[in-house]
Amino acid sequence: MWHLITAPILLPMLTALVIMLPPVHYSPMRRRWVSMISSAVQLVLVVVLLLHVQQNGLLHYAIGNWQAPFGIILVADTLSMVLVCLTSFLALGAICYGSAGEDEKGSFFHPLFQFQVMGINGAFLTGDLFNLFVFFEVLLIASYALLIHAGGKNKTKAAVHYVVLNLTGSAIFLFSLAVLYGTLGTLNIVDMAQKVAVLPAEDLMLVKSGGLMLMIVFALKAAVLPLQFWLPATYSSASAPVAALFAVMTKIGIYALLRVYTTIFGADAGPLQGMAADWLLPAGLATIVLGAIGVISSHDFRKLVANLVLVSVGTLVAMVALHTELSAAAALYYTVHSTLVTAALFLIADLISNQRGKAADRLVSGRRVVQPILLGSLFMLAAMAVAGLPPLSGFIGKLMLLQAVTEPANRALLWAVILMCSLLVIVGLSRAGSTLFWRVSGGDASGDKAAPLQVFAVCWLLLASPLLVIFAGPLTELSQQAAAQLYDTDTAARAILGSAATEGDVP
């Protein structure tokens, strides 16, 4: 079980290498089967690891048997494993959709996709900030290549914009790591937390500067206002399976904010405790409002869905800013829900676009879709879920979010913003649905019917919404356990720093 922590990183990496070998690389069907089987196996393994962590507590793995804080440490707690499971579940749906024909537009789609999954899983599992930077760079390289997959002017323009901004963020990240390492002498997250707790007064401003630079980087990765302007164009120009996978990428920035500002700059950080809250709360609320305005003003469906991602990002950032176990648990449940539903909407947008002729996904009168009942039903289910209407998972998620706000001053503001913007989202989705399915003009329906594998992928992602409702009780308990582990920094420090990372020492 100890070595299983490396599976979410090593398995996609090895899969990518196998796909690039001649016996597999020159056969599109072999590439697809290897990629899909590997994704399914990965999902099974991470679920097993999650159950083990839930029952036995935190696991860590010292690469090369170099002990923390000197070596590279992978940490599997409930929070990181839930997000790795989310990534694996999403990746399986996206790779199935891509295997229906999208992967034929480039022979390296599957290896790049697997490297992307590797980077995402590594970012969730790493126990030190330098390797978080490394996995961020893996993400940047793979996502840039996936973004320009199949080419096109719009894709190239969005990709250049995306990579320039992220390279700037990487430079700031590296500079902040230099400041923090020069001051604290370590980049291991739990070790940094212990060093910050006894920080001398003369080093206070240096560490605060490094911490605020980290907040800028994570806010850029998460697309928080005013660093969100790259997201709508990038996500709307990407191919459907790539955009679906990108739905989880903003959550990496949210996770990094939650992990760093809870562990390193948490309750034991003295003067640096909660230093990001004053910035994150207004930024999160502004991002929600901006995303909701984008939803009702979008002229095409893909950009509408991209703005829904902004709404979820702002909501999660606001929860992180509250800095409580209750808000962290609510944020985790909402993360799973919003990621899978928005990913499904990207796939649905592509299916609609393929069946509307020249109108594509633009919110204008166009040809009737070939499969109105199927696509209309999928759209309605996804729209109800993402808008937070009962009885689907969005309703439970938003209820948890509202209940997590305990301070009266914050409650009035957050409730007003979340509820009003939810209304705007409902209006925007209603407008989009009526335009796409009821404003019909031109000739008869044309275009290709959705392939069975594409329908399976969409249903696979949408299946999560009713399952999150049916198993709301145990999943809520799981979220609460993850939040409790996150805030129990002493136990994590003893597990990672207090014992040798050998197989016999790990539960």
Protein backbone atom coordinates (compact mmCIF):
# COMPACT_ATOMS: atom_id res chain seq x y z
CA MET A 1 0.00 0.00 0.00
CA TRP A 2 2.91 2.30 0.78
CA HIS A 3 4.21 2.24 -2.81
CA LEU A 4 0.70 2.70 -4.22
CA ILE A 5 1.04 6.46 -3.56
CA THR A 6 3.26 6.69 -6.62
CA ALA A 7 0.72 4.99 -8.94
CA PRO A 8 -1.26 8.16 -9.88
CA ILE A 9 2.02 9.69 -11.11
CA LEU A 10 3.93 6.72 -12.50
CA LEU A 11 1.03 4.98 -14.25
CA PRO A 12 0.07 7.85 -16.60
CA MET A 13 3.76 8.59 -17.24
CA LEU A 14 4.49 4.98 -18.18
CA THR A 15 1.28 4.84 -20.23
CA ALA A 16 2.39 7.88 -22.23
CA LEU A 17 5.76 6.25 -22.91
CA VAL A 18 4.15 2.98 -23.99
CA ILE A 19 1.81 4.81 -26.37
CA MET A 20 4.78 6.48 -28.05
CA LEU A 21 6.49 3.13 -28.76
CA PRO A 22 6.16 1.97 -32.40
CA PRO A 23 3.88 -1.08 -31.84
CA VAL A 24 1.25 1.18 -30.26
CA HIS A 25 1.98 4.59 -31.73
CA TYR A 26 1.25 3.63 -35.34
CA SER A 27 -2.14 2.11 -34.52
CA PRO A 28 -4.89 4.60 -33.53
CA MET A 29 -7.00 1.81 -32.08
CA ARG A 30 -4.14 0.55 -29.90
CA ARG A 31 -3.45 4.07 -28.63
CA ARG A 32 -7.09 4.40 -27.62
CA TRP A 33 -7.33 1.07 -25.87
CA VAL A 34 -4.06 1.49 -23.97
CA SER A 35 -5.08 4.97 -22.82
CA MET A 36 -8.61 3.99 -21.78
CA ILE A 37 -7.54 0.80 -19.98
CA SER A 38 -4.79 2.66 -18.15
CA SER A 39 -7.24 5.38 -17.06
CA ALA A 40 -9.69 2.76 -15.78
CA VAL A 41 -6.95 0.93 -13.85
CA GLN A 42 -5.77 4.22 -12.38
CA LEU A 43 -9.29 5.00 -11.16
CA VAL A 44 -9.53 1.64 -9.41
CA LEU A 45 -6.12 2.06 -7.76
CA VAL A 46 -6.78 5.56 -6.45
CA VAL A 47 -10.17 4.51 -5.05
CA VAL A 48 -8.43 1.68 -3.17
CA LEU A 49 -5.82 4.13 -1.90
CA LEU A 50 -8.52 6.60 -0.82
CA LEU A 51 -10.33 3.93 1.19
CA HIS A 52 -7.06 2.94 2.85
CA VAL A 53 -6.23 6.54 3.76
CA GLN A 54 -9.75 7.08 5.07
CA GLN A 55 -9.43 4.08 7.40
CA ASN A 56 -5.78 4.38 8.44
CA GLY A 57 -4.91 8.04 8.16
CA LEU A 58 -2.22 9.92 6.29
CA LEU A 59 0.37 8.08 4.20
CA HIS A 60 3.65 9.49 2.92
CA TYR A 61 6.32 8.24 0.57
CA ALA A 62 9.95 9.32 0.61
CA ILE A 63 11.34 9.07 -2.93
CA GLY A 64 14.80 7.54 -2.91
CA ASN A 65 14.35 6.97 0.83
CA TRP A 66 15.53 10.52 1.48
CA GLN A 67 13.73 11.62 4.61
CA ALA A 68 11.77 14.83 5.02
CA PRO A 69 12.49 17.67 4.99
CA PHE A 70 15.51 16.93 2.79
CA GLY A 71 13.98 14.55 0.25
CA ILE A 72 11.03 14.59 -2.11
CA ILE A 73 7.91 13.58 -0.22
CA LEU A 74 4.57 12.48 -1.60
CA VAL A 75 1.70 12.86 0.85
CA ALA A 76 -1.63 11.08 0.57
CA ASP A 77 -4.28 12.42 2.94
CA THR A 78 -8.03 12.41 2.47
CA LEU A 79 -8.11 15.84 0.78
CA SER A 80 -5.44 15.06 -1.81
CA MET A 81 -6.82 11.58 -2.52
CA VAL A 82 -10.37 12.87 -3.09
CA LEU A 83 -8.98 15.29 -5.67
CA VAL A 84 -6.86 12.58 -7.30
CA CYS A 85 -9.98 10.38 -7.50
CA LEU A 86 -11.84 13.30 -9.04
CA THR A 87 -9.09 13.73 -11.65
CA SER A 88 -9.06 10.02 -12.48
CA PHE A 89 -12.85 9.89 -12.82
CA LEU A 90 -12.83 12.96 -15.06
CA ALA A 91 -9.88 11.72 -17.13
CA LEU A 92 -11.62 8.44 -17.92
CA GLY A 93 -14.68 10.26 -19.25
CA ALA A 94 -12.62 12.76 -21.25
CA ILE A 95 -10.36 10.12 -22.80
CA CYS A 96 -13.40 8.06 -23.83
CA TYR A 97 -14.89 11.12 -25.52
CA GLY A 98 -11.60 11.90 -27.26
CA SER A 99 -11.30 8.30 -28.47
CA ALA A 100 -14.49 8.73 -30.50
CA GLY A 101 -12.60 10.68 -33.16
CA GLU A 102 -11.05 13.80 -31.65
CA ASP A 103 -7.72 12.00 -31.10
CA GLU A 104 -7.35 11.42 -34.86
CA LYS A 105 -6.53 15.11 -35.36
CA GLY A 106 -3.10 14.56 -33.82
CA SER A 107 -1.04 11.43 -33.16
CA PHE A 108 0.24 12.67 -29.79
CA PHE A 109 -3.12 13.41 -28.20
CA HIS A 110 -3.06 10.39 -25.88
CA PRO A 111 0.54 10.75 -24.59
CA LEU A 112 0.00 14.46 -23.93
CA PHE A 113 -3.27 13.70 -22.19
CA GLN A 114 -1.54 11.18 -19.91
CA PHE A 115 1.28 13.61 -19.11
CA GLN A 116 -1.37 16.18 -18.21
CA VAL A 117 -3.01 13.72 -15.81
CA MET A 118 0.41 12.95 -14.36
CA GLY A 119 1.05 16.64 -13.67
CA ILE A 120 -2.36 17.17 -12.07
CA ASN A 121 -2.00 14.14 -9.78
CA GLY A 122 1.54 15.12 -8.85
CA ALA A 123 0.43 18.63 -7.88
CA PHE A 124 -2.18 17.16 -5.54
CA LEU A 125 0.17 14.61 -3.97
CA THR A 126 3.43 16.53 -3.53
CA GLY A 127 4.49 17.49 -0.02
CA ASP A 128 6.85 20.34 -0.87
CA LEU A 129 6.55 23.59 -2.77
CA PHE A 130 9.45 23.06 -5.17
CA ASN A 131 7.91 19.92 -6.59
CA LEU A 132 4.61 21.74 -6.78
CA PHE A 133 6.45 24.13 -9.08
CA VAL A 134 7.82 21.18 -11.09
CA PHE A 135 4.39 19.67 -11.58
CA PHE A 136 3.00 23.08 -12.50
CA GLU A 137 5.56 23.17 -15.31
CA VAL A 138 4.59 19.68 -16.46
CA LEU A 139 1.01 20.93 -16.56
CA LEU A 140 2.00 24.01 -18.54
CA ILE A 141 3.89 22.07 -21.21
CA ALA A 142 1.25 19.37 -21.67
CA SER A 143 -1.71 21.78 -21.55
CA TYR A 144 -0.11 24.11 -24.10
CA ALA A 145 0.38 21.24 -26.53
CA LEU A 146 -3.15 19.94 -25.92
CA LEU A 147 -4.59 23.43 -26.38
CA ILE A 148 -3.19 23.76 -29.91
CA HIS A 149 -4.21 20.18 -30.75
CA ALA A 150 -5.69 20.15 -34.28
CA GLY A 151 -4.46 23.71 -34.89
CA GLY A 152 -6.43 26.78 -35.86
CA LYS A 153 -6.02 30.55 -35.52
CA ASN A 154 -8.17 30.89 -32.41
CA LYS A 155 -6.43 28.02 -30.65
CA THR A 156 -2.98 29.38 -31.43
CA LYS A 157 -3.89 32.87 -30.23
CA ALA A 158 -5.40 31.55 -26.98
CA ALA A 159 -2.45 29.20 -26.46
CA VAL A 160 0.13 32.00 -26.82
CA HIS A 161 -1.85 34.16 -24.39
CA TYR A 162 -2.12 31.25 -21.98
CA VAL A 163 1.53 30.23 -22.05
CA VAL A 164 2.88 33.80 -21.70
CA LEU A 165 0.77 34.46 -18.61
CA ASN A 166 1.65 31.12 -17.06
CA LEU A 167 5.36 31.54 -17.74
CA THR A 168 5.14 34.90 -15.98
CA GLY A 169 3.41 33.16 -13.09
CA SER A 170 6.14 30.50 -13.05
CA ALA A 171 8.83 33.19 -12.80
CA ILE A 172 7.05 34.77 -9.82
CA PHE A 173 6.63 31.31 -8.29
CA LEU A 174 10.34 30.59 -8.58
CA PHE A 175 11.23 33.96 -7.09
CA SER A 176 8.89 33.41 -4.13
CA LEU A 177 10.41 29.97 -3.52
CA ALA A 178 13.87 31.54 -3.46
CA VAL A 179 12.74 34.09 -0.87
CA LEU A 180 11.06 31.46 1.31
CA TYR A 181 13.92 28.98 1.08
CA GLY A 182 16.49 31.65 1.81
CA THR A 183 14.57 32.64 4.93
CA LEU A 184 13.23 29.33 6.24
CA GLY A 185 15.83 26.91 4.88
CA THR A 186 13.20 24.41 3.69
CA LEU A 187 10.40 24.00 1.16
CA ASN A 188 8.72 21.00 2.77
CA ILE A 189 5.20 22.24 3.58
CA VAL A 190 4.85 20.84 7.11
CA ASP A 191 8.44 21.78 7.95
CA MET A 192 7.81 25.32 6.71
CA ALA A 193 4.78 25.49 9.01
CA GLN A 194 6.98 24.65 11.99
CA LYS A 195 9.61 27.22 10.97
CA VAL A 196 7.00 29.96 10.47
CA ALA A 197 5.57 29.27 13.96
CA VAL A 198 8.90 30.32 15.55
CA LEU A 199 9.88 32.92 12.98
CA PRO A 200 12.10 35.77 14.26
CA ALA A 201 10.70 39.27 13.90
CA GLU A 202 13.44 40.38 11.48
CA ASP A 203 12.39 37.69 8.95
CA LEU A 204 8.69 38.39 9.18
CA MET A 205 8.39 40.74 6.21
CA LEU A 206 10.47 38.53 3.94
CA VAL A 207 8.29 35.50 4.58
CA LYS A 208 5.16 37.60 4.20
CA SER A 209 6.41 38.88 0.85
CA GLY A 210 7.12 35.32 -0.32
CA GLY A 211 3.70 34.18 0.87
CA LEU A 212 1.89 36.98 -0.94
CA MET A 213 3.78 36.23 -4.14
CA LEU A 214 2.61 32.64 -3.82
CA MET A 215 -0.95 33.92 -3.51
CA ILE A 216 -0.54 35.81 -6.80
CA VAL A 217 0.71 32.66 -8.55
CA PHE A 218 -2.07 30.45 -7.19
CA ALA A 219 -4.67 33.10 -8.00
CA LEU A 220 -3.40 33.15 -11.59
CA LYS A 221 -3.59 29.37 -11.84
CA ALA A 222 -7.10 29.41 -10.37
CA ALA A 223 -8.20 32.35 -12.57
CA VAL A 224 -9.23 34.64 -9.72
CA LEU A 225 -10.13 38.26 -10.50
CA PRO A 226 -8.19 40.27 -11.75
CA LEU A 227 -6.11 37.39 -13.13
CA GLN A 228 -9.01 35.55 -14.76
CA PHE A 229 -9.04 37.12 -18.24
CA TRP A 230 -7.15 34.24 -19.86
CA LEU A 231 -9.67 31.54 -18.94
CA PRO A 232 -12.80 32.13 -21.11
CA ALA A 233 -10.88 32.37 -24.38
CA THR A 234 -8.57 29.47 -23.50
CA TYR A 235 -11.25 27.03 -22.39
CA SER A 236 -13.70 27.91 -25.16
CA SER A 237 -11.09 27.44 -27.91
CA ALA A 238 -9.82 24.05 -26.66
CA SER A 239 -11.21 20.81 -28.05
CA ALA A 240 -14.01 19.25 -26.01
CA PRO A 241 -12.07 16.51 -24.14
CA VAL A 242 -9.22 18.93 -23.42
CA ALA A 243 -11.62 21.58 -22.10
CA ALA A 244 -13.27 18.91 -19.94
CA LEU A 245 -9.90 17.98 -18.42
CA PHE A 246 -9.06 21.66 -18.00
CA ALA A 247 -12.10 21.95 -15.70
CA VAL A 248 -10.01 20.44 -12.91
CA MET A 249 -6.91 22.57 -13.58
CA THR A 250 -8.30 25.69 -11.89
CA LYS A 251 -8.92 23.52 -8.83
CA ILE A 252 -5.16 22.99 -8.52
CA GLY A 253 -4.77 26.70 -7.76
CA ILE A 254 -7.62 26.49 -5.24
CA TYR A 255 -6.03 23.42 -3.64
CA ALA A 256 -2.66 25.16 -3.40
CA LEU A 257 -4.27 28.20 -1.75
CA LEU A 258 -6.09 25.97 0.72
CA ARG A 259 -3.07 23.80 1.51
CA VAL A 260 -0.50 26.59 1.87
CA TYR A 261 -2.62 29.12 3.75
CA THR A 262 -4.01 26.49 6.10
CA THR A 263 -0.81 24.58 6.84
CA ILE A 264 2.01 27.12 6.53
CA PHE A 265 0.11 30.32 7.35
CA GLY A 266 -2.56 28.74 9.53
CA ALA A 267 -3.51 29.00 13.19
CA ASP A 268 0.09 28.58 14.44
CA ALA A 269 1.64 31.18 12.13
CA GLY A 270 1.44 34.03 14.65
CA PRO A 271 1.41 37.44 12.94
CA LEU A 272 1.16 35.75 9.53
CA GLN A 273 -2.03 33.86 10.39
CA GLY A 274 -4.75 34.38 7.82
CA MET A 275 -2.76 36.98 5.91
CA ALA A 276 -4.47 36.09 2.64
CA ALA A 277 -8.06 36.25 3.92
CA ASP A 278 -8.37 40.03 3.51
CA TRP A 279 -7.49 39.68 -0.18
CA LEU A 280 -9.16 36.39 -1.05
CA LEU A 281 -12.68 37.08 0.16
CA PRO A 282 -13.37 40.21 -1.93
CA ALA A 283 -11.50 38.68 -4.89
CA GLY A 284 -13.63 35.52 -4.66
CA LEU A 285 -16.90 37.46 -4.47
CA ALA A 286 -15.90 39.67 -7.40
CA THR A 287 -15.01 36.58 -9.45
CA ILE A 288 -18.46 35.10 -8.78
CA VAL A 289 -20.15 38.30 -9.96
CA LEU A 290 -17.94 38.57 -13.03
CA GLY A 291 -18.55 34.93 -13.95
CA ALA A 292 -22.32 35.31 -13.57
CA ILE A 293 -22.31 38.42 -15.77
CA GLY A 294 -20.28 36.47 -18.31
CA VAL A 295 -22.87 33.67 -18.26
CA ILE A 296 -25.78 35.94 -19.18
CA SER A 297 -23.78 37.94 -21.73
CA SER A 298 -22.00 35.11 -23.60
CA HIS A 299 -22.71 34.84 -27.32
CA ASP A 300 -21.72 31.20 -27.62
CA PHE A 301 -22.27 28.19 -25.43
CA ARG A 302 -18.63 27.26 -24.89
CA LYS A 303 -17.82 30.69 -23.43
CA LEU A 304 -20.92 30.42 -21.26
CA VAL A 305 -19.59 27.18 -19.79
CA ALA A 306 -16.14 28.76 -19.34
CA ASN A 307 -17.77 31.53 -17.31
CA LEU A 308 -19.50 28.89 -15.20
CA VAL A 309 -15.99 27.73 -14.29
CA LEU A 310 -15.27 31.27 -13.10
CA VAL A 311 -18.39 31.20 -10.91
CA SER A 312 -17.22 27.98 -9.26
CA VAL A 313 -13.69 29.35 -8.84
CA GLY A 314 -14.95 32.48 -7.09
CA THR A 315 -17.19 30.42 -4.81
CA LEU A 316 -14.32 28.16 -3.78
CA VAL A 317 -11.94 31.06 -3.18
CA ALA A 318 -14.52 32.70 -0.90
CA MET A 319 -14.74 29.44 1.07
CA VAL A 320 -10.96 29.25 1.38
CA ALA A 321 -10.93 32.81 2.71
CA LEU A 322 -13.30 31.87 5.55
CA HIS A 323 -10.57 29.58 6.92
CA THR A 324 -12.73 27.10 8.84
CA GLU A 325 -13.11 23.33 8.79
CA LEU A 326 -16.77 23.72 7.85
CA SER A 327 -15.98 25.89 4.84
CA ALA A 328 -13.18 23.56 3.70
CA ALA A 329 -15.53 20.55 3.84
CA ALA A 330 -18.20 22.42 1.88
CA ALA A 331 -15.62 23.55 -0.67
CA LEU A 332 -14.43 19.98 -1.25
CA TYR A 333 -17.94 18.66 -1.92
CA TYR A 334 -18.68 21.61 -4.21
CA THR A 335 -15.37 21.08 -6.03
CA VAL A 336 -16.28 17.52 -7.00
CA HIS A 337 -19.74 18.56 -8.14
CA SER A 338 -18.79 21.66 -10.12
CA THR A 339 -15.78 20.09 -11.85
CA LEU A 340 -17.66 17.09 -13.22
CA VAL A 341 -20.78 19.01 -14.26
CA THR A 342 -18.90 21.78 -16.07
CA ALA A 343 -16.73 19.17 -17.78
CA ALA A 344 -19.90 17.42 -18.98
CA LEU A 345 -21.24 20.75 -20.27
CA PHE A 346 -18.10 21.23 -22.39
CA LEU A 347 -18.74 17.84 -23.99
CA ILE A 348 -22.44 18.62 -24.50
CA ALA A 349 -21.50 21.94 -26.12
CA ASP A 350 -19.34 20.06 -28.61
CA LEU A 351 -22.12 17.59 -29.46
CA ILE A 352 -24.58 20.45 -30.02
CA SER A 353 -22.06 22.34 -32.13
CA ASN A 354 -21.49 19.33 -34.40
CA GLN A 355 -25.22 19.05 -35.12
CA ARG A 356 -26.19 22.70 -35.73
CA GLY A 357 -24.34 23.31 -38.97
CA LYS A 358 -22.80 26.76 -39.46
CA ALA A 359 -24.45 28.12 -36.31
CA ALA A 360 -22.30 25.72 -34.25
CA ASP A 361 -22.56 26.63 -30.56
CA ARG A 362 -23.37 30.31 -31.13
CA LEU A 363 -26.52 31.43 -29.32
CA VAL A 364 -28.40 32.36 -32.49
CA SER A 365 -31.15 30.76 -34.53
CA GLY A 366 -29.82 27.73 -36.40
CA ARG A 367 -30.62 24.25 -37.70
CA ARG A 368 -32.38 21.77 -35.48
CA VAL A 369 -30.01 19.32 -33.83
CA VAL A 370 -30.14 15.75 -35.11
CA GLN A 371 -30.81 14.30 -31.62
CA PRO A 372 -32.94 16.90 -29.84
CA ILE A 373 -34.35 14.56 -27.17
CA LEU A 374 -30.98 13.08 -26.21
CA LEU A 375 -29.01 16.33 -26.22
CA GLY A 376 -31.87 18.31 -24.70
CA SER A 377 -32.18 15.86 -21.82
CA LEU A 378 -28.43 15.89 -21.16
CA PHE A 379 -28.38 19.67 -21.32
CA MET A 380 -31.32 20.03 -18.93
CA LEU A 381 -29.81 17.63 -16.40
CA ALA A 382 -26.43 19.38 -16.50
CA ALA A 383 -28.00 22.86 -16.36
CA MET A 384 -30.14 21.97 -13.34
CA ALA A 385 -27.11 20.53 -11.55
CA VAL A 386 -24.77 23.44 -12.22
CA ALA A 387 -27.43 26.02 -11.32
CA GLY A 388 -27.98 24.37 -7.94
CA LEU A 389 -31.61 23.28 -8.44
CA PRO A 390 -32.99 20.39 -6.37
CA PRO A 391 -32.79 17.44 -6.21
CA LEU A 392 -29.34 17.30 -7.82
CA SER A 393 -25.88 17.70 -6.28
CA GLY A 394 -25.62 21.43 -6.97
CA PHE A 395 -28.42 22.09 -4.48
CA ILE A 396 -26.69 20.14 -1.71
CA GLY A 397 -23.35 21.74 -2.55
CA LYS A 398 -24.70 25.29 -2.35
CA LEU A 399 -26.62 24.45 0.82
CA MET A 400 -23.36 23.29 2.41
CA LEU A 401 -21.66 26.46 1.25
CA LEU A 402 -24.33 28.69 2.77
CA GLN A 403 -24.32 26.75 6.04
CA ALA A 404 -20.53 27.08 6.25
CA VAL A 405 -20.76 30.87 6.63
CA THR A 406 -21.05 31.36 10.39
CA GLU A 407 -20.04 35.00 10.90
CA PRO A 408 -23.05 37.35 10.58
CA ALA A 409 -21.11 40.01 8.65
CA ASN A 410 -19.90 37.54 6.06
CA ARG A 411 -23.19 35.65 5.96
CA ALA A 412 -25.25 38.53 4.61
CA LEU A 413 -22.69 39.35 1.92
CA LEU A 414 -21.96 35.79 0.79
CA TRP A 415 -25.58 34.70 0.80
CA ALA A 416 -26.60 37.70 -1.27
CA VAL A 417 -23.83 37.22 -3.85
CA ILE A 418 -24.22 33.44 -4.19
CA LEU A 419 -28.02 33.49 -4.42
CA MET A 420 -28.24 36.45 -6.81
CA CYS A 421 -25.55 35.05 -9.07
CA SER A 422 -27.27 31.64 -9.01
CA LEU A 423 -30.36 33.39 -10.34
CA LEU A 424 -28.29 34.97 -13.14
CA VAL A 425 -26.86 31.54 -13.98
CA ILE A 426 -30.38 30.09 -14.24
CA VAL A 427 -31.41 32.95 -16.55
CA GLY A 428 -28.31 32.51 -18.71
CA LEU A 429 -28.74 28.74 -19.02
CA SER A 430 -32.46 29.11 -19.77
CA ARG A 431 -31.66 31.58 -22.54
CA ALA A 432 -29.02 29.27 -23.96
CA GLY A 433 -31.25 26.20 -23.86
CA SER A 434 -34.22 27.92 -25.50
CA THR A 435 -31.98 29.34 -28.23
CA LEU A 436 -30.15 26.11 -28.99
CA PHE A 437 -33.18 23.82 -29.03
CA TRP A 438 -36.21 25.99 -29.83
CA ARG A 439 -35.05 28.85 -32.08
CA VAL A 440 -34.86 26.75 -35.22
CA SER A 441 -34.38 28.10 -38.71
CA GLY A 442 -33.03 26.91 -42.04
CA GLY A 443 -33.25 23.45 -43.48
CA ASP A 444 -33.61 20.05 -41.95
CA ALA A 445 -31.33 18.72 -39.28
CA SER A 446 -27.84 17.89 -40.43
CA GLY A 447 -24.63 16.68 -38.93
CA ASP A 448 -23.39 13.47 -37.41
CA LYS A 449 -25.13 11.72 -34.57
CA ALA A 450 -23.25 11.46 -31.31
CA ALA A 451 -21.08 8.35 -31.21
CA PRO A 452 -21.94 5.79 -28.50
CA LEU A 453 -18.58 6.45 -26.82
CA GLN A 454 -19.33 10.18 -26.70
CA VAL A 455 -22.75 9.59 -25.14
CA PHE A 456 -21.16 7.23 -22.62
CA ALA A 457 -18.56 9.86 -21.66
CA VAL A 458 -21.20 12.54 -21.05
CA CYS A 459 -23.42 10.16 -19.07
CA TRP A 460 -20.39 8.98 -17.09
CA LEU A 461 -19.67 12.54 -15.92
CA LEU A 462 -23.32 13.45 -15.33
CA LEU A 463 -23.82 10.24 -13.35
CA ALA A 464 -21.77 11.82 -10.59
CA SER A 465 -24.51 14.36 -9.80
CA PRO A 466 -27.23 11.90 -8.69
CA LEU A 467 -24.57 9.73 -7.01
CA LEU A 468 -23.42 12.73 -4.98
CA VAL A 469 -27.02 13.06 -3.80
CA ILE A 470 -27.65 9.36 -3.12
CA PHE A 471 -24.40 9.04 -1.13
CA ALA A 472 -24.53 12.57 0.30
CA GLY A 473 -24.23 11.30 3.87
CA PRO A 474 -20.96 9.35 3.59
CA LEU A 475 -19.51 11.86 1.13
CA THR A 476 -20.23 14.71 3.54
CA GLU A 477 -18.50 12.75 6.30
CA LEU A 478 -15.58 12.18 3.95
CA SER A 479 -15.37 15.92 3.26
CA GLN A 480 -15.44 16.67 6.97
CA GLN A 481 -12.70 14.13 7.59
CA ALA A 482 -10.58 15.72 4.86
CA ALA A 483 -11.07 19.16 6.41
CA ALA A 484 -10.20 17.88 9.87
CA GLN A 485 -6.98 16.29 8.59
CA LEU A 486 -6.10 19.49 6.76
CA TYR A 487 -6.33 21.56 9.92
CA ASP A 488 -4.61 18.95 12.10
CA THR A 489 -1.13 20.11 11.18
CA ASP A 490 0.52 18.61 14.28
CA THR A 491 -0.47 15.06 13.34
CA ALA A 492 0.76 15.59 9.78
CA ALA A 493 4.07 16.96 11.06
CA ARG A 494 4.60 13.98 13.36
CA ALA A 495 3.76 11.52 10.58
CA ILE A 496 6.04 13.13 7.99
CA LEU A 497 8.88 14.57 10.05
CA GLY A 498 8.78 12.47 13.19
CA SER A 499 9.49 9.00 11.81
CA ALA A 500 11.57 7.40 9.12
CA ALA A 501 9.73 6.93 5.89
CA THR A 502 10.13 3.19 5.61
CA GLU A 503 7.61 0.64 4.66
CA GLY A 504 7.44 -0.74 8.14
CA ASP A 505 6.75 2.63 9.70
CA VAL A 506 3.84 3.53 7.50
CA PRO A 507 0.41 2.30 8.63
